[in-house]
Amino acid sequence: MSADARTPTASVIVSTYNAPRALEAILHRLCGGSHRPAEIVIADDGSTEDTAAMIRSFEPPAGTRINHCWHPDDGFRKTRILNESVARATNPYLVFLDGDCLPHDRWLEDHLRLAESGTFVQGRRAFIPERFVDAVLEGRTTIPRLLRRGRLSGIFKAIRLPMPRIRRDRDLYGLLGCNLAMWREDVVRINGFDEAFEGWGIGEDSDLCVRLYNLGIERKMVHGRALVYHLDHPELPRDHVPESLARLQRSIDLGLTRCDAGLDRHTKTVA
């Protein structure tokens, strides 16, 4: 793999909403992994006090700072809380993780080794079926045990390979915000996430990446490294999908690099 000469320090941005058990498991895995993050920013889209209490009680290791970024619950406003979290992040490299995805022990190490100027990194995800989620979160089973028994979906994407498979492209296929890494300066240049994307749907993560493509940034699509394991759950209503896809198509057709409603709304702390 071709790592950038600037091996970065990273802020890990974890999005969450009313899932304190999963978030606690993520924090333990991040802080117990092969490379501990300098900073974890929790992008909290309006969770109740249960989440805040768990975060206050969690004790990160020396050298890791946790920043809880929260706004009131006013519907699904993930793009806004992600922009607020990017504005607060203090490190040059940003690694995004969804609050329903458990990272591999070497997830952050892999992302940092893959970091390279002029690129962003797209990792893959395997799936923990919903019927096993409680057992994993309660410690009654483990991801390796489920993998050995063939209980995970997307098994190829669940295995860390001796050598990663890397494809460089500017494709729309496989763009996922749940396991994504990029230079903070590039995110600032495109004005972050487009806050016009509201409601759960498809498109806000792809839109971010499309604008990076339009800026000349290339994707490194990686298999076999930077793995995460999705905690399957019932899908949310998809009412916003048509509108989100239309907005995404506009960014593609017009070759947009910046969004109007974006990171600059929170730029008091953005350098």
Foldseek 3Di string as FASTA:
>chain_A
DDAAPCLWAEEEEEEDAQDQLLQVLQQCLQQQAPDHHLEYEYLYQAHDVVNVVSVVPDDHDPRYYYHYQYDHHDAFQSQVSVLLSLLVDDIFKYWYAYSQKHWDSCLVVQLSRHHHPLAKEAADEKEQDQVCLVCCSVVVDHPVVCLVVVRIGPNQQVAQDPDKDKDKALDLPRQDRNTIMDTSVLCVQQQHFASVDGHDADARSSLQSLLSVLVRGIYIYIGRHSYIYGNDDDDDDHVCHVVRVVVSVVCVVVSHNYHDRHSVVNNPRPD
